[in-house]
């Protein structure tokens, strides 16, 4: 394209010099100047193109850096959110463990009380049984000599047996409650939270 413009300009210069009556050396000098100006114009256009491409490249690099910064910021936010979620989950687990421990401790205390009550009633029943047996023996020994006392002791023995039966019934009810509580705890350890 530059050579075409130079040829056109050369012909134009030749025509002008012919009309002006310039010597061939003058025409050659004009041609050289014209070619030089053309080369400068081409070089300037190439330089401007390079500068424009460089500016585009710098702008693209800036965009890439901005996108990378945005990505890093988003990644940091996501990591922070994940850390917050983990911390919340850990706190919830800790609270759940504390509640479960409190529930288990309360149930253990209740079971201990029921066991102690059942054992106490069993001991009372045994004592009353022994007392009834002792009174039966005393009544038998005094049967011949103290018939009236025998009747009284037998009456007391009957009362003792009634109390012993009552204590055994209560002890059996306590153990039934104990079994129910143990079965419920095995099925759902958080039912009483």
C-alpha atoms as a PDB file:
ATOM      1  CA  UNK A   1       0.000   0.000   0.000  1.00  0.00           C
ATOM      2  CA  UNK A   2       2.907   2.369   0.830  1.00  0.00           C
ATOM      3  CA  UNK A   3       4.596   1.605  -2.494  1.00  0.00           C
ATOM      4  CA  UNK A   4       1.377   2.417  -4.397  1.00  0.00           C
ATOM      5  CA  UNK A   5       1.088   5.779  -2.685  1.00  0.00           C
ATOM      6  CA  UNK A   6       4.755   6.445  -3.413  1.00  0.00           C
ATOM      7  CA  UNK A   7       4.312   5.640  -7.114  1.00  0.00           C
ATOM      8  CA  UNK A   8       1.328   7.933  -7.410  1.00  0.00           C
ATOM      9  CA  UNK A   9       3.207  10.697  -5.645  1.00  0.00           C
ATOM     10  CA  UNK A  10       6.258  10.125  -7.863  1.00  0.00           C
ATOM     11  CA  UNK A  11       4.165  10.517 -10.982  1.00  0.00           C
ATOM     12  CA  UNK A  12       2.577  13.614  -9.536  1.00  0.00           C
ATOM     13  CA  UNK A  13       5.997  15.060  -8.749  1.00  0.00           C
ATOM     14  CA  UNK A  14       7.256  14.228 -12.245  1.00  0.00           C
ATOM     15  CA  UNK A  15       4.305  15.956 -13.816  1.00  0.00           C
ATOM     16  CA  UNK A  16       4.736  19.004 -11.571  1.00  0.00           C
ATOM     17  CA  UNK A  17       8.407  19.268 -12.328  1.00  0.00           C
ATOM     18  CA  UNK A  18       7.804  18.927 -16.033  1.00  0.00           C
ATOM     19  CA  UNK A  19       5.404  21.816 -15.855  1.00  0.00           C
ATOM     20  CA  UNK A  20       7.704  23.782 -13.588  1.00  0.00           C
ATOM     21  CA  UNK A  21      10.725  22.970 -15.662  1.00  0.00           C
ATOM     22  CA  UNK A  22      12.643  21.315 -12.740  1.00  0.00           C
ATOM     23  CA  UNK A  23      15.781  19.324 -13.404  1.00  0.00           C
ATOM     24  CA  UNK A  24      15.768  15.517 -12.922  1.00  0.00           C
ATOM     25  CA  UNK A  25      18.014  15.839  -9.812  1.00  0.00           C
ATOM     26  CA  UNK A  26      15.444  18.118  -8.201  1.00  0.00           C
ATOM     27  CA  UNK A  27      12.705  15.692  -9.008  1.00  0.00           C
ATOM     28  CA  UNK A  28      14.743  12.891  -7.421  1.00  0.00           C
ATOM     29  CA  UNK A  29      15.236  14.898  -4.248  1.00  0.00           C
ATOM     30  CA  UNK A  30      11.529  15.603  -4.055  1.00  0.00           C
ATOM     31  CA  UNK A  31      10.845  11.913  -4.527  1.00  0.00           C
ATOM     32  CA  UNK A  32      13.217  10.991  -1.701  1.00  0.00           C
ATOM     33  CA  UNK A  33      11.545  13.485   0.619  1.00  0.00           C
ATOM     34  CA  UNK A  34       8.144  12.148  -0.360  1.00  0.00           C
ATOM     35  CA  UNK A  35       9.269   8.573   0.299  1.00  0.00           C
ATOM     36  CA  UNK A  36      10.719   9.607   3.655  1.00  0.00           C
ATOM     37  CA  UNK A  37       7.521  11.316   4.677  1.00  0.00           C
ATOM     38  CA  UNK A  38       5.559   8.240   3.604  1.00  0.00           C
ATOM     39  CA  UNK A  39       7.852   5.971   5.616  1.00  0.00           C
ATOM     40  CA  UNK A  40       7.470   8.221   8.662  1.00  0.00           C
ATOM     41  CA  UNK A  41       3.711   8.098   8.307  1.00  0.00           C
ATOM     42  CA  UNK A  42       3.786   4.302   8.051  1.00  0.00           C
ATOM     43  CA  UNK A  43       6.089   4.051  11.072  1.00  0.00           C
ATOM     44  CA  UNK A  44       3.842   6.409  13.060  1.00  0.00           C
ATOM     45  CA  UNK A  45       0.774   4.346  12.173  1.00  0.00           C
ATOM     46  CA  UNK A  46       2.566   1.134  13.186  1.00  0.00           C
ATOM     47  CA  UNK A  47       3.697   2.743  16.460  1.00  0.00           C
ATOM     48  CA  UNK A  48       0.176   3.929  17.216  1.00  0.00           C
ATOM     49  CA  UNK A  49      -1.121   0.433  16.500  1.00  0.00           C
ATOM     50  CA  UNK A  50       1.473  -1.089  18.838  1.00  0.00           C
ATOM     51  CA  UNK A  51       0.594   1.413  21.549  1.00  0.00           C
ATOM     52  CA  UNK A  52      -3.083   0.679  21.145  1.00  0.00           C
ATOM     53  CA  UNK A  53      -2.470  -3.061  21.348  1.00  0.00           C
ATOM     54  CA  UNK A  54      -0.277  -2.567  24.411  1.00  0.00           C
ATOM     55  CA  UNK A  55      -2.994  -0.466  26.041  1.00  0.00           C
ATOM     56  CA  UNK A  56      -5.553  -3.171  25.277  1.00  0.00           C
ATOM     57  CA  UNK A  57      -3.223  -5.783  26.746  1.00  0.00           C
ATOM     58  CA  UNK A  58      -2.712  -3.706  29.907  1.00  0.00           C
ATOM     59  CA  UNK A  59      -6.455  -3.207  30.230  1.00  0.00           C
ATOM     60  CA  UNK A  60      -7.044  -6.949  29.786  1.00  0.00           C
ATOM     61  CA  UNK A  61      -4.380  -7.714  32.400  1.00  0.00           C
ATOM     62  CA  UNK A  62      -6.027  -5.238  34.788  1.00  0.00           C
ATOM     63  CA  UNK A  63      -9.384  -6.922  34.208  1.00  0.00           C
ATOM     64  CA  UNK A  64      -7.787 -10.311  34.871  1.00  0.00           C
ATOM     65  CA  UNK A  65      -6.230  -9.035  38.090  1.00  0.00           C
ATOM     66  CA  UNK A  66      -9.571  -7.577  39.178  1.00  0.00           C
ATOM     67  CA  UNK A  67     -11.341 -10.867  38.447  1.00  0.00           C
ATOM     68  CA  UNK A  68      -8.665 -12.764  40.370  1.00  0.00           C
ATOM     69  CA  UNK A  69      -9.083 -10.394  43.323  1.00  0.00           C
ATOM     70  CA  UNK A  70     -12.868 -10.887  43.205  1.00  0.00           C
ATOM     71  CA  UNK A  71     -12.393 -14.655  43.109  1.00  0.00           C
ATOM     72  CA  UNK A  72     -10.014 -14.561  46.085  1.00  0.00           C
ATOM     73  CA  UNK A  73     -12.469 -12.399  48.024  1.00  0.00           C
ATOM     74  CA  UNK A  74     -15.334 -14.783  47.258  1.00  0.00           C
ATOM     75  CA  UNK A  75     -13.187 -17.765  48.264  1.00  0.00           C
ATOM     76  CA  UNK A  76     -12.289 -16.042  51.534  1.00  0.00           C
ATOM     77  CA  UNK A  77     -15.998 -15.347  52.202  1.00  0.00           C
ATOM     78  CA  UNK A  78     -16.861 -18.981  51.495  1.00  0.00           C
ATOM     79  CA  UNK A  79     -14.111 -20.201  53.827  1.00  0.00           C
ATOM     80  CA  UNK A  80     -15.364 -17.854  56.530  1.00  0.00           C
ATOM     81  CA  UNK A  81     -18.944 -19.086  56.053  1.00  0.00           C
ATOM     82  CA  UNK A  82     -17.783 -22.697  56.276  1.00  0.00           C
ATOM     83  CA  UNK A  83     -15.852 -21.893  59.465  1.00  0.00           C
ATOM     84  CA  UNK A  84     -18.945 -20.191  60.937  1.00  0.00           C
ATOM     85  CA  UNK A  85     -21.108 -23.202  60.058  1.00  0.00           C
ATOM     86  CA  UNK A  86     -18.618 -25.571  61.668  1.00  0.00           C
ATOM     87  CA  UNK A  87     -18.429 -23.429  64.788  1.00  0.00           C
ATOM     88  CA  UNK A  88     -22.238 -23.293  65.041  1.00  0.00           C
ATOM     89  CA  UNK A  89     -22.486 -27.060  64.563  1.00  0.00           C
ATOM     90  CA  UNK A  90     -19.836 -27.633  67.250  1.00  0.00           C
ATOM     91  CA  UNK A  91     -21.676 -25.357  69.682  1.00  0.00           C
ATOM     92  CA  UNK A  92     -24.952 -27.156  68.979  1.00  0.00           C
ATOM     93  CA  UNK A  93     -23.283 -30.538  69.563  1.00  0.00           C
ATOM     94  CA  UNK A  94     -21.781 -29.313  72.830  1.00  0.00           C
ATOM     95  CA  UNK A  95     -25.156 -28.005  74.007  1.00  0.00           C
ATOM     96  CA  UNK A  96     -26.826 -31.295  73.046  1.00  0.00           C
ATOM     97  CA  UNK A  97     -24.186 -33.272  74.943  1.00  0.00           C
ATOM     98  CA  UNK A  98     -24.686 -31.099  78.033  1.00  0.00           C
ATOM     99  CA  UNK A  99     -28.461 -31.589  77.886  1.00  0.00           C
ATOM    100  CA  UNK A 100     -28.036 -35.341  77.472  1.00  0.00           C
ATOM    101  CA  UNK A 101     -25.617 -35.511  80.407  1.00  0.00           C
ATOM    102  CA  UNK A 102     -28.038 -33.562  82.590  1.00  0.00           C
ATOM    103  CA  UNK A 103     -30.895 -35.862  81.611  1.00  0.00           C
ATOM    104  CA  UNK A 104     -28.841 -39.003  82.263  1.00  0.00           C
ATOM    105  CA  UNK A 105     -27.698 -37.667  85.640  1.00  0.00           C
ATOM    106  CA  UNK A 106     -31.297 -36.888  86.640  1.00  0.00           C
ATOM    107  CA  UNK A 107     -32.456 -40.337  85.564  1.00  0.00           C
ATOM    108  CA  UNK A 108     -29.608 -42.000  87.449  1.00  0.00           C
ATOM    109  CA  UNK A 109     -30.610 -40.150  90.604  1.00  0.00           C
ATOM    110  CA  UNK A 110     -34.250 -41.185  90.146  1.00  0.00           C
ATOM    111  CA  UNK A 111     -33.249 -44.817  89.583  1.00  0.00           C
ATOM    112  CA  UNK A 112     -31.007 -44.770  92.645  1.00  0.00           C
ATOM    113  CA  UNK A 113     -33.879 -43.435  94.750  1.00  0.00           C
ATOM    114  CA  UNK A 114     -36.263 -46.090  93.435  1.00  0.00           C
ATOM    115  CA  UNK A 115     -33.726 -48.851  94.059  1.00  0.00           C
ATOM    116  CA  UNK A 116     -33.074 -47.591  97.576  1.00  0.00           C
ATOM    117  CA  UNK A 117     -36.809 -47.396  98.290  1.00  0.00           C
ATOM    118  CA  UNK A 118     -37.403 -50.905  96.959  1.00  0.00           C
ATOM    119  CA  UNK A 119     -34.513 -52.296  99.000  1.00  0.00           C
ATOM    120  CA  UNK A 120     -35.791 -50.546 102.138  1.00  0.00           C
ATOM    121  CA  UNK A 121     -39.268 -52.014 101.644  1.00  0.00           C
ATOM    122  CA  UNK A 122     -37.782 -55.471 101.098  1.00  0.00           C
ATOM    123  CA  UNK A 123     -35.805 -55.174 104.324  1.00  0.00           C
ATOM    124  CA  UNK A 124     -38.911 -54.001 106.176  1.00  0.00           C
ATOM    125  CA  UNK A 125     -40.856 -56.948 104.803  1.00  0.00           C
ATOM    126  CA  UNK A 126     -38.144 -59.385 105.924  1.00  0.00           C
ATOM    127  CA  UNK A 127     -38.099 -57.835 109.370  1.00  0.00           C
ATOM    128  CA  UNK A 128     -41.855 -58.101 109.633  1.00  0.00           C
ATOM    129  CA  UNK A 129     -41.708 -61.715 108.436  1.00  0.00           C
ATOM    130  CA  UNK A 130     -39.161 -62.528 111.117  1.00  0.00           C
ATOM    131  CA  UNK A 131     -41.277 -60.729 113.686  1.00  0.00           C
ATOM    132  CA  UNK A 132     -44.340 -62.688 112.604  1.00  0.00           C
ATOM    133  CA  UNK A 133     -42.408 -65.943 112.856  1.00  0.00           C
ATOM    134  CA  UNK A 134     -41.147 -64.983 116.308  1.00  0.00           C
ATOM    135  CA  UNK A 135     -44.647 -64.180 117.448  1.00  0.00           C
ATOM    136  CA  UNK A 136     -45.932 -67.452 115.999  1.00  0.00           C
ATOM    137  CA  UNK A 137     -43.253 -69.305 117.939  1.00  0.00           C
ATOM    138  CA  UNK A 138     -44.057 -67.389 121.105  1.00  0.00           C
ATOM    139  CA  UNK A 139     -47.742 -68.122 120.660  1.00  0.00           C
ATOM    140  CA  UNK A 140     -47.031 -71.825 120.218  1.00  0.00           C
ATOM    141  CA  UNK A 141     -44.875 -71.909 123.351  1.00  0.00           C
ATOM    142  CA  UNK A 142     -47.486 -70.146 125.404  1.00  0.00           C
ATOM    143  CA  UNK A 143     -50.432 -72.064 123.908  1.00  0.00           C
ATOM    144  CA  UNK A 144     -50.984 -74.390 126.802  1.00  0.00           C
ATOM    145  CA  UNK A 145     -50.417 -71.909 129.546  1.00  0.00           C
ATOM    146  CA  UNK A 146     -51.501 -68.611 128.057  1.00  0.00           C
ATOM    147  CA  UNK A 147     -54.365 -69.264 125.654  1.00  0.00           C
ATOM    148  CA  UNK A 148     -55.608 -65.717 125.835  1.00  0.00           C
ATOM    149  CA  UNK A 149     -52.125 -64.358 125.073  1.00  0.00           C
ATOM    150  CA  UNK A 150     -51.929 -66.801 122.182  1.00  0.00           C
ATOM    151  CA  UNK A 151     -54.999 -65.314 120.592  1.00  0.00           C
ATOM    152  CA  UNK A 152     -53.580 -61.819 120.972  1.00  0.00           C
ATOM    153  CA  UNK A 153     -50.190 -62.786 119.492  1.00  0.00           C
ATOM    154  CA  UNK A 154     -51.866 -64.551 116.578  1.00  0.00           C
ATOM    155  CA  UNK A 155     -53.846 -61.413 115.894  1.00  0.00           C
ATOM    156  CA  UNK A 156     -50.659 -59.373 115.842  1.00  0.00           C
ATOM    157  CA  UNK A 157     -49.010 -61.923 113.564  1.00  0.00           C
ATOM    158  CA  UNK A 158     -51.883 -61.567 111.120  1.00  0.00           C
ATOM    159  CA  UNK A 159     -51.434 -57.813 111.129  1.00  0.00           C
ATOM    160  CA  UNK A 160     -47.679 -58.215 110.551  1.00  0.00           C
ATOM    161  CA  UNK A 161     -48.313 -60.532 107.621  1.00  0.00           C
ATOM    162  CA  UNK A 162     -50.751 -58.046 106.166  1.00  0.00           C
ATOM    163  CA  UNK A 163     -48.100 -55.293 106.434  1.00  0.00           C
ATOM    164  CA  UNK A 164     -45.484 -57.607 104.934  1.00  0.00           C
ATOM    165  CA  UNK A 165     -47.757 -58.353 101.991  1.00  0.00           C
ATOM    166  CA  UNK A 166     -48.430 -54.650 101.560  1.00  0.00           C
ATOM    167  CA  UNK A 167     -44.700 -53.902 101.586  1.00  0.00           C
ATOM    168  CA  UNK A 168     -44.050 -56.644  99.034  1.00  0.00           C
ATOM    169  CA  UNK A 169     -46.759 -55.271  96.776  1.00  0.00           C
ATOM    170  CA  UNK A 170     -45.216 -51.816  96.966  1.00  0.00           C
ATOM    171  CA  UNK A 171     -41.740 -53.213  96.323  1.00  0.00           C
ATOM    172  CA  UNK A 172     -43.064 -55.105  93.281  1.00  0.00           C
ATOM    173  CA  UNK A 173     -44.743 -51.905  91.991  1.00  0.00           C
ATOM    174  CA  UNK A 174     -41.483 -49.969  92.467  1.00  0.00           C
ATOM    175  CA  UNK A 175     -39.556 -52.600  90.486  1.00  0.00           C
ATOM    176  CA  UNK A 176     -42.163 -52.502  87.737  1.00  0.00           C
ATOM    177  CA  UNK A 177     -41.736 -48.721  87.530  1.00  0.00           C
ATOM    178  CA  UNK A 178     -37.974 -49.231  87.467  1.00  0.00           C
ATOM    179  CA  UNK A 179     -38.255 -51.675  84.556  1.00  0.00           C
ATOM    180  CA  UNK A 180     -40.537 -49.263  82.655  1.00  0.00           C
ATOM    181  CA  UNK A 181     -38.093 -46.403  83.132  1.00  0.00           C
ATOM    182  CA  UNK A 182     -35.190 -48.565  81.981  1.00  0.00           C
ATOM    183  CA  UNK A 183     -37.120 -49.695  78.900  1.00  0.00           C
ATOM    184  CA  UNK A 184     -38.121 -46.106  78.038  1.00  0.00           C
ATOM    185  CA  UNK A 185     -34.534 -44.914  78.459  1.00  0.00           C
ATOM    186  CA  UNK A 186     -33.293 -47.668  76.129  1.00  0.00           C
ATOM    187  CA  UNK A 187     -35.857 -46.774  73.474  1.00  0.00           C
ATOM    188  CA  UNK A 188     -35.444 -42.949  73.588  1.00  0.00           C
ATOM    189  CA  UNK A 189     -32.625 -41.508  75.735  1.00  0.00           C
ATOM    190  CA  UNK A 190     -33.832 -37.924  75.055  1.00  0.00           C
ATOM    191  CA  UNK A 191     -37.528 -38.458  75.819  1.00  0.00           C
ATOM    192  CA  UNK A 192     -37.354 -36.686  79.195  1.00  0.00           C
ATOM    193  CA  UNK A 193     -35.267 -33.650  78.027  1.00  0.00           C
END
